[in-house]
């Protein structure tokens, strides 16, 4: 197992000596509590499934927005009703954060956003300022709603720019141009105190120099948080079908590895830390507190069609998945049955999930947690990964090293299977 990992890691390092434990000692300063008990707080994930256009790489639960105003009004009310019902189920908690995802939640009526924020605050009074994030597309039409969304309570905008190259945007099926994106970013900067950008790399024909230039553009525009995602081909998408019939191919493994390494180097040189595999923040205050809450194993309500949730209830850790179809979800909420799935996780499954999430971050996972799973630093897969430099131990925690992070799926498979 680790021989294969070691071979791939050597290729990724491109012959240079790297300090493979550089991210681990920083974990204590970044942790803000790490394994703290977060069961007394709760976050909200709100899924708004409507999109003006379905991107060819997207496999999320989305639908085209084609004048569905009556349906949208019904969904907005169902989300509020679901929030009330789940609040009664989980009992008193402090609100940790709210994240509006999708779909395209910047298409959500600002008054509906404001209603969710106000109801959440009333049901789960926060103990201080909280992060309220919303995903947005940088079209001119949606940018015109930014001020209203800020007034509704959103204080962090996550912008799905994806590229600053018009040809790439056309390939990705985006409905904005590079010029539109720049205009929207300028408006967002005036409306929101915090901005994050999503970018997609490893596109066909993309070279390292092209990609680093796009990253430099994002940095020049003042984003405090950058989420670079390698283009992933999912079988059920338009891109998946195109690749399967040979219409085009994604970059090979070697080029993808070079692009990954260029991402890390460029952002690190600009003062950004990869506090999670696909998330880079310029300082601790720029990290997404909502995402950290989830990665640390905190509870969160999943509201909206297909939304996932994690709740700590009397029976244990409960995983929920809402009904995917909009009509089914609305009807399910009315019938006090919004979930397609509700599963009480076995203690081992809950622990494995915490490891899966924790090792994505610079904080890692506690050694005690790994020991509960029967893993030892003296022998077995954890000992092998430590010896080969894919993970490191610091202050009672195991974290992936710079070598292990690009191979995280293989590292996790080695640990948990």
Protein backbone atom coordinates (compact mmCIF):
# COMPACT_ATOMS: atom_id res chain seq x y z
CA UNK A 1 0.00 0.00 0.00
CA UNK A 2 2.50 2.62 1.13
CA UNK A 3 4.98 1.70 -1.64
CA UNK A 4 2.43 2.89 -4.21
CA UNK A 5 1.80 6.06 -2.23
CA UNK A 6 5.51 6.69 -1.89
CA UNK A 7 6.06 6.38 -5.63
CA UNK A 8 3.34 8.89 -6.42
CA UNK A 9 4.57 11.25 -3.72
CA UNK A 10 8.09 11.21 -5.10
CA UNK A 11 6.75 12.30 -8.48
CA UNK A 12 4.74 15.08 -6.88
CA UNK A 13 7.73 16.43 -5.01
CA UNK A 14 9.57 16.88 -8.33
CA UNK A 15 12.89 16.05 -6.74
CA UNK A 16 12.95 18.85 -4.16
CA UNK A 17 13.43 18.40 -0.44
CA UNK A 18 10.25 19.42 1.36
CA UNK A 19 9.55 19.99 5.03
CA UNK A 20 6.78 17.43 5.18
CA UNK A 21 5.70 18.39 8.71
CA UNK A 22 5.45 22.12 8.06
CA UNK A 23 1.66 22.25 8.44
CA UNK A 24 1.35 20.14 11.57
CA UNK A 25 2.94 22.33 14.29
CA UNK A 26 0.74 25.20 13.11
CA UNK A 27 -2.37 23.24 14.02
CA UNK A 28 -2.31 24.27 17.68
CA UNK A 29 -2.39 27.95 16.78
CA UNK A 30 -5.15 27.41 14.24
CA UNK A 31 -7.31 25.02 16.15
CA UNK A 32 -9.46 27.31 18.29
CA UNK A 33 -10.54 24.28 20.26
CA UNK A 34 -10.09 21.43 17.76
CA UNK A 35 -11.92 18.61 19.49
CA UNK A 36 -14.06 20.93 21.57
CA UNK A 37 -17.57 19.77 22.33
CA UNK A 38 -19.69 21.53 19.73
CA UNK A 39 -22.95 19.78 20.56
CA UNK A 40 -24.22 22.92 22.31
CA UNK A 41 -24.04 24.87 19.04
CA UNK A 42 -25.63 24.22 15.69
CA UNK A 43 -25.13 25.43 12.14
CA UNK A 44 -27.61 25.65 9.27
CA UNK A 45 -27.11 24.57 5.68
CA UNK A 46 -29.87 25.87 3.38
CA UNK A 47 -30.08 24.38 -0.11
CA UNK A 48 -31.63 26.54 -2.83
CA UNK A 49 -31.71 24.27 -5.91
CA UNK A 50 -32.52 26.75 -8.68
CA UNK A 51 -30.00 27.71 -11.37
CA UNK A 52 -30.30 29.93 -14.42
CA UNK A 53 -28.21 27.34 -16.27
CA UNK A 54 -27.03 23.84 -15.36
CA UNK A 55 -23.24 23.66 -15.64
CA UNK A 56 -21.98 20.59 -17.56
CA UNK A 57 -19.72 19.47 -14.69
CA UNK A 58 -22.36 19.78 -11.95
CA UNK A 59 -23.85 16.72 -10.25
CA UNK A 60 -25.58 18.59 -7.41
CA UNK A 61 -29.31 18.56 -6.77
CA UNK A 62 -30.28 21.45 -9.07
CA UNK A 63 -33.10 22.47 -11.43
CA UNK A 64 -33.48 25.17 -14.08
CA UNK A 65 -35.05 28.40 -12.86
CA UNK A 66 -37.82 28.93 -15.42
CA UNK A 67 -40.36 31.29 -13.93
CA UNK A 68 -41.11 29.04 -10.96
CA UNK A 69 -42.11 31.91 -8.69
CA UNK A 70 -45.07 30.12 -7.08
CA UNK A 71 -43.02 26.97 -6.52
CA UNK A 72 -40.17 29.03 -5.07
CA UNK A 73 -42.50 30.79 -2.64
CA UNK A 74 -43.75 27.41 -1.47
CA UNK A 75 -40.21 26.12 -1.06
CA UNK A 76 -39.15 29.19 0.93
CA UNK A 77 -42.04 28.64 3.33
CA UNK A 78 -41.28 24.93 3.60
CA UNK A 79 -37.67 25.71 4.56
CA UNK A 80 -38.94 27.95 7.37
CA UNK A 81 -41.38 25.28 8.55
CA UNK A 82 -38.65 22.63 8.42
CA UNK A 83 -36.40 24.91 10.47
CA UNK A 84 -39.10 25.24 13.13
CA UNK A 85 -39.66 21.49 13.28
CA UNK A 86 -35.98 20.58 13.49
CA UNK A 87 -35.40 23.24 16.15
CA UNK A 88 -38.07 21.59 18.29
CA UNK A 89 -36.35 18.23 17.74
CA UNK A 90 -32.82 19.27 18.71
CA UNK A 91 -33.72 21.61 21.57
CA UNK A 92 -31.91 24.74 22.76
CA UNK A 93 -28.65 25.44 20.95
CA UNK A 94 -26.54 28.47 20.07
CA UNK A 95 -26.45 29.35 16.38
CA UNK A 96 -22.93 28.77 15.03
CA UNK A 97 -23.31 29.81 11.38
CA UNK A 98 -25.59 29.76 8.33
CA UNK A 99 -24.58 28.71 4.83
CA UNK A 100 -26.84 29.20 1.81
CA UNK A 101 -25.72 26.79 -0.91
CA UNK A 102 -27.15 25.36 -4.08
CA UNK A 103 -27.92 25.61 -6.83
CA UNK A 104 -27.60 29.35 -6.97
CA UNK A 105 -28.78 30.94 -3.73
CA UNK A 106 -28.02 34.43 -5.09
CA UNK A 107 -31.24 33.79 -7.07
CA UNK A 108 -33.13 33.35 -3.78
CA UNK A 109 -35.41 36.31 -3.03
CA UNK A 110 -33.59 38.50 -0.48
CA UNK A 111 -36.72 38.64 1.66
CA UNK A 112 -36.67 34.83 1.85
CA UNK A 113 -33.01 34.92 2.92
CA UNK A 114 -33.85 37.54 5.56
CA UNK A 115 -36.72 35.40 6.86
CA UNK A 116 -34.46 32.36 7.32
CA UNK A 117 -31.79 34.43 9.07
CA UNK A 118 -34.29 36.07 11.42
CA UNK A 119 -36.04 32.78 12.27
CA UNK A 120 -32.73 30.99 12.87
CA UNK A 121 -31.56 33.74 15.22
CA UNK A 122 -34.82 33.60 17.14
CA UNK A 123 -34.80 29.81 17.46
CA UNK A 124 -31.07 29.48 18.22
CA UNK A 125 -29.88 32.74 19.80
CA UNK A 126 -26.18 33.16 18.94
CA UNK A 127 -23.66 34.05 21.61
CA UNK A 128 -21.89 36.60 19.39
CA UNK A 129 -21.33 37.57 15.79
CA UNK A 130 -21.80 34.68 13.39
CA UNK A 131 -20.78 33.99 9.82
CA UNK A 132 -23.64 33.96 7.30
CA UNK A 133 -22.38 32.83 3.90
CA UNK A 134 -24.14 32.70 0.57
CA UNK A 135 -22.93 31.27 -2.73
CA UNK A 136 -23.32 33.61 -5.70
CA UNK A 137 -22.72 33.73 -9.41
CA UNK A 138 -21.05 36.90 -10.75
CA UNK A 139 -23.60 37.79 -13.41
CA UNK A 140 -24.77 41.38 -13.79
CA UNK A 141 -28.33 40.37 -12.84
CA UNK A 142 -27.30 38.67 -9.61
CA UNK A 143 -24.78 41.37 -8.72
CA UNK A 144 -27.69 43.78 -8.64
CA UNK A 145 -29.07 41.79 -5.69
CA UNK A 146 -25.91 41.86 -3.58
CA UNK A 147 -26.85 44.94 -1.56
CA UNK A 148 -30.26 43.48 -0.72
CA UNK A 149 -28.69 40.17 0.30
CA UNK A 150 -26.28 42.01 2.57
CA UNK A 151 -29.22 43.84 4.16
CA UNK A 152 -30.87 40.44 4.65
CA UNK A 153 -27.99 39.47 6.93
CA UNK A 154 -25.42 37.83 4.64
CA UNK A 155 -21.91 38.91 5.64
CA UNK A 156 -19.76 36.55 3.55
CA UNK A 157 -20.16 35.96 -0.18
CA UNK A 158 -18.70 32.89 -1.85
CA UNK A 159 -18.38 33.77 -5.53
CA UNK A 160 -18.46 31.03 -8.17
CA UNK A 161 -16.22 32.82 -10.66
CA UNK A 162 -14.48 29.57 -11.79
CA UNK A 163 -12.23 31.33 -14.33
CA UNK A 164 -11.15 34.73 -15.62
CA UNK A 165 -10.74 33.37 -19.16
CA UNK A 166 -13.74 33.79 -21.48
CA UNK A 167 -12.99 30.65 -23.50
CA UNK A 168 -12.75 28.62 -20.30
CA UNK A 169 -15.99 30.11 -19.00
CA UNK A 170 -17.75 29.10 -22.22
CA UNK A 171 -16.34 25.57 -21.95
CA UNK A 172 -17.50 25.36 -18.33
CA UNK A 173 -21.02 26.42 -19.32
CA UNK A 174 -20.93 29.55 -17.19
CA UNK A 175 -23.39 32.36 -17.89
CA UNK A 176 -21.02 35.23 -17.12
CA UNK A 177 -17.99 36.73 -18.85
CA UNK A 178 -14.66 37.72 -17.31
CA UNK A 179 -15.71 41.39 -17.54
CA UNK A 180 -19.00 40.63 -15.76
CA UNK A 181 -17.10 38.78 -13.06
CA UNK A 182 -14.86 41.79 -12.40
CA UNK A 183 -17.88 44.10 -12.20
CA UNK A 184 -19.65 41.75 -9.80
CA UNK A 185 -16.55 41.45 -7.62
CA UNK A 186 -16.33 45.24 -7.35
CA UNK A 187 -19.98 45.42 -6.26
CA UNK A 188 -19.53 42.53 -3.82
CA UNK A 189 -16.56 44.27 -2.25
CA UNK A 190 -18.76 47.25 -1.43
CA UNK A 191 -21.62 45.13 -0.04
CA UNK A 192 -19.88 42.40 1.99
CA UNK A 193 -17.01 42.52 4.49
CA UNK A 194 -15.79 39.04 3.49
CA UNK A 195 -15.33 37.51 0.05
CA UNK A 196 -14.36 34.04 -1.11
CA UNK A 197 -13.76 32.87 -4.68
CA UNK A 198 -14.19 29.44 -6.27
CA UNK A 199 -11.94 28.59 -9.22
CA UNK A 200 -11.72 25.43 -11.34
CA UNK A 201 -8.40 24.14 -12.64
CA UNK A 202 -7.12 21.10 -14.58
CA UNK A 203 -9.23 22.07 -17.56
CA UNK A 204 -8.33 20.63 -20.98
CA UNK A 205 -5.48 22.59 -22.55
CA UNK A 206 -4.70 24.53 -19.38
CA UNK A 207 -1.02 24.96 -18.56
CA UNK A 208 0.67 25.83 -15.29
CA UNK A 209 1.47 29.40 -16.38
CA UNK A 210 -2.16 30.01 -17.39
CA UNK A 211 -3.41 28.73 -14.05
CA UNK A 212 -0.99 30.69 -11.90
CA UNK A 213 -1.96 33.83 -13.82
CA UNK A 214 -5.62 33.21 -12.92
CA UNK A 215 -4.70 32.74 -9.27
CA UNK A 216 -2.72 35.98 -9.37
CA UNK A 217 -5.78 37.77 -10.76
CA UNK A 218 -7.93 36.51 -7.90
CA UNK A 219 -5.33 37.65 -5.37
CA UNK A 220 -5.04 41.08 -7.00
CA UNK A 221 -8.82 41.50 -6.65
CA UNK A 222 -8.56 41.25 -2.88
CA UNK A 223 -10.19 37.93 -1.97
CA UNK A 224 -9.43 36.76 1.57
CA UNK A 225 -10.37 33.16 0.83
CA UNK A 226 -9.68 31.03 -2.27
CA UNK A 227 -11.22 27.63 -3.01
CA UNK A 228 -9.45 26.06 -6.01
CA UNK A 229 -11.10 22.84 -7.20
CA UNK A 230 -9.64 20.37 -9.63
CA UNK A 231 -12.16 19.66 -12.39
CA UNK A 232 -13.77 16.34 -11.52
CA UNK A 233 -15.58 14.33 -14.17
CA UNK A 234 -18.78 12.76 -12.83
CA UNK A 235 -20.37 10.09 -14.99
CA UNK A 236 -23.95 11.38 -14.87
CA UNK A 237 -23.03 14.90 -16.05
CA UNK A 238 -22.71 16.37 -19.54
CA UNK A 239 -18.94 16.38 -19.12
CA UNK A 240 -19.01 12.75 -18.01
CA UNK A 241 -20.87 11.77 -21.16
CA UNK A 242 -18.55 13.83 -23.35
CA UNK A 243 -15.43 12.26 -21.89
CA UNK A 244 -16.89 8.74 -22.15
CA UNK A 245 -17.50 9.19 -25.88
CA UNK A 246 -14.01 10.59 -26.42
CA UNK A 247 -14.99 14.18 -27.18
CA UNK A 248 -12.17 15.45 -24.94
CA UNK A 249 -9.97 14.31 -22.09
CA UNK A 250 -8.94 15.91 -18.80
CA UNK A 251 -5.24 16.50 -18.10
CA UNK A 252 -3.16 13.46 -17.26
CA UNK A 253 -2.05 12.69 -13.71
CA UNK A 254 1.35 14.31 -14.07
CA UNK A 255 -0.02 17.64 -15.31
CA UNK A 256 -2.79 17.57 -12.69
CA UNK A 257 -0.11 17.08 -10.03
CA UNK A 258 1.90 20.01 -11.41
CA UNK A 259 -1.19 22.21 -11.32
CA UNK A 260 -1.87 21.17 -7.73
CA UNK A 261 1.70 21.96 -6.70
CA UNK A 262 1.54 25.32 -8.48
CA UNK A 263 -1.66 26.10 -6.58
CA UNK A 264 -0.06 25.45 -3.22
CA UNK A 265 3.11 27.37 -4.05
CA UNK A 266 1.35 30.42 -5.49
CA UNK A 267 -1.12 30.79 -2.64
CA UNK A 268 1.43 30.06 0.07
CA UNK A 269 3.75 32.72 -1.37
CA UNK A 270 0.87 35.20 -1.13
CA UNK A 271 0.32 34.45 2.55
CA UNK A 272 -2.57 31.98 2.17
CA UNK A 273 -2.66 28.77 4.14
CA UNK A 274 -4.31 25.58 2.93
CA UNK A 275 -6.28 25.05 6.12
CA UNK A 276 -8.29 22.39 4.28
CA UNK A 277 -7.51 20.41 1.13
CA UNK A 278 -9.42 22.76 -1.21
CA UNK A 279 -9.66 25.89 0.94
CA UNK A 280 -7.02 28.57 1.43
CA UNK A 281 -7.36 31.52 3.79
CA UNK A 282 -5.30 34.67 4.25
CA UNK A 283 -5.05 34.46 8.04
CA UNK A 284 -7.10 32.63 10.65
CA UNK A 285 -9.89 35.23 10.59
CA UNK A 286 -10.48 34.53 6.88
CA UNK A 287 -11.22 30.84 7.36
CA UNK A 288 -14.84 29.75 6.94
CA UNK A 289 -16.19 29.18 10.44
CA UNK A 290 -19.17 27.30 8.99
CA UNK A 291 -16.96 24.81 7.17
CA UNK A 292 -14.74 24.40 10.22
CA UNK A 293 -17.81 23.68 12.35
CA UNK A 294 -18.76 20.86 9.97
CA UNK A 295 -15.22 19.47 9.62
CA UNK A 296 -14.85 19.42 13.41
CA UNK A 297 -17.94 17.24 13.69
CA UNK A 298 -20.37 19.92 14.83
CA UNK A 299 -24.13 19.53 14.41
CA UNK A 300 -25.90 21.19 11.50
CA UNK A 301 -29.43 21.22 10.14
CA UNK A 302 -29.91 20.39 6.46
CA UNK A 303 -32.77 22.51 5.07
CA UNK A 304 -34.07 22.35 1.51
CA UNK A 305 -34.34 19.62 -1.15
CA UNK A 306 -31.61 17.00 -0.85
CA UNK A 307 -29.81 18.80 2.00
CA UNK A 308 -27.71 16.68 4.35
CA UNK A 309 -27.65 17.22 8.11
CA UNK A 310 -25.91 15.84 11.19
CA UNK A 311 -27.65 15.95 14.57
CA UNK A 312 -26.71 14.74 18.03
CA UNK A 313 -29.91 13.38 19.53
CA UNK A 314 -30.75 11.08 22.44
CA UNK A 315 -30.11 8.00 20.29
CA UNK A 316 -26.70 9.22 19.11
CA UNK A 317 -25.25 10.83 16.00
CA UNK A 318 -27.99 11.03 13.36
CA UNK A 319 -27.40 11.56 9.63
CA UNK A 320 -30.30 13.05 7.67
CA UNK A 321 -30.93 13.56 3.96
CA UNK A 322 -33.93 15.62 2.85
CA UNK A 323 -36.18 14.52 0.02
CA UNK A 324 -34.52 15.53 -3.26
CA UNK A 325 -37.46 16.58 -5.44
CA UNK A 326 -38.80 20.01 -4.62
CA UNK A 327 -42.44 18.91 -4.55
CA UNK A 328 -41.63 15.86 -2.44
CA UNK A 329 -39.69 18.00 0.04
CA UNK A 330 -42.46 20.59 0.36
CA UNK A 331 -45.09 17.87 0.82
CA UNK A 332 -42.82 16.03 3.24
CA UNK A 333 -42.37 19.09 5.43
CA UNK A 334 -46.15 19.57 5.51
CA UNK A 335 -46.55 15.94 6.56
CA UNK A 336 -43.78 16.17 9.19
CA UNK A 337 -41.67 13.83 7.05
CA UNK A 338 -39.04 15.93 5.22
CA UNK A 339 -36.29 13.32 5.19
CA UNK A 340 -35.70 10.62 2.60
CA UNK A 341 -33.11 9.14 4.96
CA UNK A 342 -32.57 9.25 8.71
CA UNK A 343 -29.83 7.00 10.06
CA UNK A 344 -28.45 6.71 13.57
CA UNK A 345 -24.75 6.16 12.99
CA UNK A 346 -23.00 3.36 14.84
CA UNK A 347 -20.31 4.80 17.15
CA UNK A 348 -17.55 3.45 14.90
CA UNK A 349 -19.15 4.97 11.80
CA UNK A 350 -19.44 8.33 13.57
CA UNK A 351 -15.76 8.15 14.58
CA UNK A 352 -14.68 7.23 11.05
CA UNK A 353 -16.62 10.19 9.71
CA UNK A 354 -14.80 12.52 12.12
CA UNK A 355 -11.48 11.14 10.89
CA UNK A 356 -12.51 11.58 7.25
CA UNK A 357 -13.45 15.19 7.89
CA UNK A 358 -10.64 16.02 10.30
CA UNK A 359 -7.82 14.79 8.08
CA UNK A 360 -9.00 17.14 5.35
CA UNK A 361 -7.89 20.03 7.56
CA UNK A 362 -4.60 21.23 8.97
CA UNK A 363 -6.03 20.47 12.43
CA UNK A 364 -6.17 16.76 11.67
CA UNK A 365 -7.80 14.25 14.00
CA UNK A 366 -7.00 13.40 17.61
CA UNK A 367 -4.86 10.37 18.27
CA UNK A 368 -7.42 9.23 20.85
CA UNK A 369 -10.03 9.12 18.10
CA UNK A 370 -7.77 6.97 15.91
CA UNK A 371 -7.04 4.69 18.82
CA UNK A 372 -10.76 4.16 19.34
CA UNK A 373 -10.74 2.80 15.78
CA UNK A 374 -8.03 0.30 16.71
CA UNK A 375 -5.20 2.22 15.02
CA UNK A 376 -1.76 2.35 16.59
CA UNK A 377 1.36 4.43 16.02
CA UNK A 378 3.47 1.31 16.75
CA UNK A 379 2.22 -1.01 14.02
CA UNK A 380 -0.34 -1.30 11.24
CA UNK A 381 -1.47 1.24 8.64
CA UNK A 382 -1.12 4.32 10.86
CA UNK A 383 2.44 3.38 11.79
CA UNK A 384 3.25 2.80 8.10
CA UNK A 385 1.82 6.16 7.06
CA UNK A 386 3.77 7.91 9.81
CA UNK A 387 7.00 6.17 8.80
CA UNK A 388 6.53 7.05 5.13
CA UNK A 389 5.78 10.70 5.87
CA UNK A 390 2.18 10.85 4.66
CA UNK A 391 0.87 11.83 8.10
CA UNK A 392 2.60 13.31 11.14
CA UNK A 393 1.92 13.32 14.88
CA UNK A 394 2.01 16.60 16.81
CA UNK A 395 0.51 17.48 20.20
CA UNK A 396 -1.70 14.40 20.29
CA UNK A 397 -3.09 14.88 16.78
CA UNK A 398 -2.54 13.19 13.44
CA UNK A 399 -2.54 15.41 10.36
CA UNK A 400 -1.75 14.80 6.71
CA UNK A 401 1.61 16.23 5.63
CA UNK A 402 2.31 18.18 2.47
CA UNK A 403 3.12 14.84 0.84
CA UNK A 404 -0.01 13.14 2.10
CA UNK A 405 -2.57 15.85 1.33
CA UNK A 406 -2.64 15.45 -2.46
CA UNK A 407 -3.01 11.70 -1.87
CA UNK A 408 -5.59 12.03 0.87
CA UNK A 409 -8.12 9.62 -0.63
CA UNK A 410 -5.48 6.89 -0.65
CA UNK A 411 -4.33 7.81 2.87
CA UNK A 412 -7.88 7.58 4.21
CA UNK A 413 -8.47 4.30 2.40
CA UNK A 414 -5.35 2.87 3.98
CA UNK A 415 -6.44 3.98 7.44
CA UNK A 416 -10.09 3.03 7.37
CA UNK A 417 -10.32 -0.16 5.28
